[in-house]
Structures are given as C-alpha cells and as structure tokens.
Amino acid sequence: MASIDLDKVLDKAWADKPLPDILAAPVVALKGVSDRDGELLQEAFGVETIADLAELKYARWAQALAALDTAR
C-alpha cells in the first residue's frame, strides 16, 4: 500500500481534505506550484487539477523512463 505525507506535498489548506477532493483540487494546491505555474500548465497541457497532472501522458512517460534507469 502506498503512503505519502500530505503535509509535505500539499498546501496547508488541503492536507486534511479527503482524497477525492485533493485529486479535484487545482494544481496550485501542491506545495511549490504557484498561480503562474498553474496557468502555464493549463495553457500548455490543459492541466487544471491534481488528477489531470497525474494523468498527463508526458509525466507518465518521464516516470517510466526514470524507472528504467536502475543505475540511480
């Protein structure tokens, strides 16, 4: 079972929300993602929510490629 410390990855206002709400949250709910970053993600890739970002094919491709690098 996967786990994550929500306090480390989400802005304080989102850390106590249920997972469906978090996934539907705007990407700016992620720590370190600014309003401008959110705008750029939306303009470039149509990403509006955390779920959209998770499903972004380019992010998945990059994760798959990184997983192939066993030398790390």
C-alpha atoms as a PDB file:
ATOM      1  CA  MET A   1       0.000   0.000   0.000  1.00  0.00           C
ATOM      2  CA  ALA A   2       1.363   3.409  -0.974  1.00  0.00           C
ATOM      3  CA  SER A   3       1.524   6.251   1.503  1.00  0.00           C
ATOM      4  CA  ILE A   4       2.535   9.899   1.431  1.00  0.00           C
ATOM      5  CA  ASP A   5       2.896  12.665   3.996  1.00  0.00           C
ATOM      6  CA  LEU A   6       0.246  15.089   2.765  1.00  0.00           C
ATOM      7  CA  ASP A   7       1.695  17.909   4.864  1.00  0.00           C
ATOM      8  CA  LYS A   8       4.867  17.709   2.780  1.00  0.00           C
ATOM      9  CA  VAL A   9       3.216  17.797  -0.653  1.00  0.00           C
ATOM     10  CA  LEU A  10       0.096  19.930  -0.194  1.00  0.00           C
ATOM     11  CA  ASP A  11      -0.555  23.470   0.904  1.00  0.00           C
ATOM     12  CA  LYS A  12      -1.834  23.564   4.470  1.00  0.00           C
ATOM     13  CA  ALA A  13      -5.455  24.220   3.426  1.00  0.00           C
ATOM     14  CA  TRP A  14      -5.596  20.927   1.515  1.00  0.00           C
ATOM     15  CA  ALA A  15      -3.721  18.499   3.776  1.00  0.00           C
ATOM     16  CA  ASP A  16      -6.801  17.452   5.767  1.00  0.00           C
ATOM     17  CA  LYS A  17      -9.174  17.062   2.818  1.00  0.00           C
ATOM     18  CA  PRO A  18     -10.441  13.688   1.573  1.00  0.00           C
ATOM     19  CA  LEU A  19      -8.552  12.182  -1.357  1.00  0.00           C
ATOM     20  CA  PRO A  20     -11.322  12.778  -3.937  1.00  0.00           C
ATOM     21  CA  ASP A  21     -11.277  16.484  -3.037  1.00  0.00           C
ATOM     22  CA  ILE A  22      -7.476  16.597  -3.276  1.00  0.00           C
ATOM     23  CA  LEU A  23      -7.486  14.993  -6.721  1.00  0.00           C
ATOM     24  CA  ALA A  24     -10.100  17.510  -7.885  1.00  0.00           C
ATOM     25  CA  ALA A  25      -8.110  20.412  -6.403  1.00  0.00           C
ATOM     26  CA  PRO A  26      -6.294  22.876  -8.642  1.00  0.00           C
ATOM     27  CA  VAL A  27      -2.614  22.095  -9.167  1.00  0.00           C
ATOM     28  CA  VAL A  28      -1.724  25.130  -7.048  1.00  0.00           C
ATOM     29  CA  ALA A  29      -2.790  23.039  -4.033  1.00  0.00           C
ATOM     30  CA  LEU A  30       0.562  21.261  -4.438  1.00  0.00           C
ATOM     31  CA  LYS A  31       3.377  22.840  -2.445  1.00  0.00           C
ATOM     32  CA  GLY A  32       5.655  24.843  -4.675  1.00  0.00           C
ATOM     33  CA  VAL A  33       3.201  25.225  -7.574  1.00  0.00           C
ATOM     34  CA  SER A  34       2.471  28.923  -7.998  1.00  0.00           C
ATOM     35  CA  ASP A  35      -0.583  30.511  -9.575  1.00  0.00           C
ATOM     36  CA  ARG A  36       1.556  31.272 -12.634  1.00  0.00           C
ATOM     37  CA  ASP A  37       2.765  27.660 -12.784  1.00  0.00           C
ATOM     38  CA  GLY A  38      -0.872  26.557 -12.708  1.00  0.00           C
ATOM     39  CA  GLU A  39      -1.736  28.952 -15.530  1.00  0.00           C
ATOM     40  CA  LEU A  40       1.161  27.679 -17.635  1.00  0.00           C
ATOM     41  CA  LEU A  41       0.231  24.032 -17.061  1.00  0.00           C
ATOM     42  CA  GLN A  42      -3.327  24.814 -18.108  1.00  0.00           C
ATOM     43  CA  GLU A  43      -2.217  26.718 -21.210  1.00  0.00           C
ATOM     44  CA  ALA A  44       0.367  24.172 -22.320  1.00  0.00           C
ATOM     45  CA  PHE A  45      -1.320  20.881 -21.441  1.00  0.00           C
ATOM     46  CA  GLY A  46      -4.891  21.596 -20.330  1.00  0.00           C
ATOM     47  CA  VAL A  47      -3.993  20.585 -16.778  1.00  0.00           C
ATOM     48  CA  GLU A  48      -6.335  22.109 -14.218  1.00  0.00           C
ATOM     49  CA  THR A  49      -6.454  19.603 -11.363  1.00  0.00           C
ATOM     50  CA  ILE A  50      -4.058  17.370  -9.498  1.00  0.00           C
ATOM     51  CA  ALA A  51      -5.731  14.392 -11.184  1.00  0.00           C
ATOM     52  CA  ASP A  52      -5.124  15.983 -14.592  1.00  0.00           C
ATOM     53  CA  LEU A  53      -1.442  16.356 -13.743  1.00  0.00           C
ATOM     54  CA  ALA A  54      -1.229  12.734 -12.581  1.00  0.00           C
ATOM     55  CA  GLU A  55      -2.791  11.575 -15.846  1.00  0.00           C
ATOM     56  CA  LEU A  56      -0.605  13.767 -18.071  1.00  0.00           C
ATOM     57  CA  LYS A  57       0.981  11.385 -20.547  1.00  0.00           C
ATOM     58  CA  TYR A  58       4.264  13.288 -20.570  1.00  0.00           C
ATOM     59  CA  ALA A  59       4.606  12.946 -16.805  1.00  0.00           C
ATOM     60  CA  ARG A  60       3.845   9.226 -17.050  1.00  0.00           C
ATOM     61  CA  TRP A  61       6.382   8.787 -19.847  1.00  0.00           C
ATOM     62  CA  ALA A  62       9.035  10.603 -17.807  1.00  0.00           C
ATOM     63  CA  GLN A  63       8.292   8.432 -14.754  1.00  0.00           C
ATOM     64  CA  ALA A  64       8.522   5.272 -16.852  1.00  0.00           C
ATOM     65  CA  LEU A  65      11.850   6.357 -18.316  1.00  0.00           C
ATOM     66  CA  ALA A  66      13.215   7.201 -14.872  1.00  0.00           C
ATOM     67  CA  ALA A  67      12.092   3.794 -13.589  1.00  0.00           C
ATOM     68  CA  LEU A  68      14.153   2.157 -16.339  1.00  0.00           C
ATOM     69  CA  ASP A  69      17.271   3.860 -15.021  1.00  0.00           C
ATOM     70  CA  THR A  70      18.361   1.263 -12.490  1.00  0.00           C
ATOM     71  CA  ALA A  71      21.796   2.853 -12.202  1.00  0.00           C
ATOM     72  CA  ARG A  72      20.472   5.615  -9.949  1.00  0.00           C
END
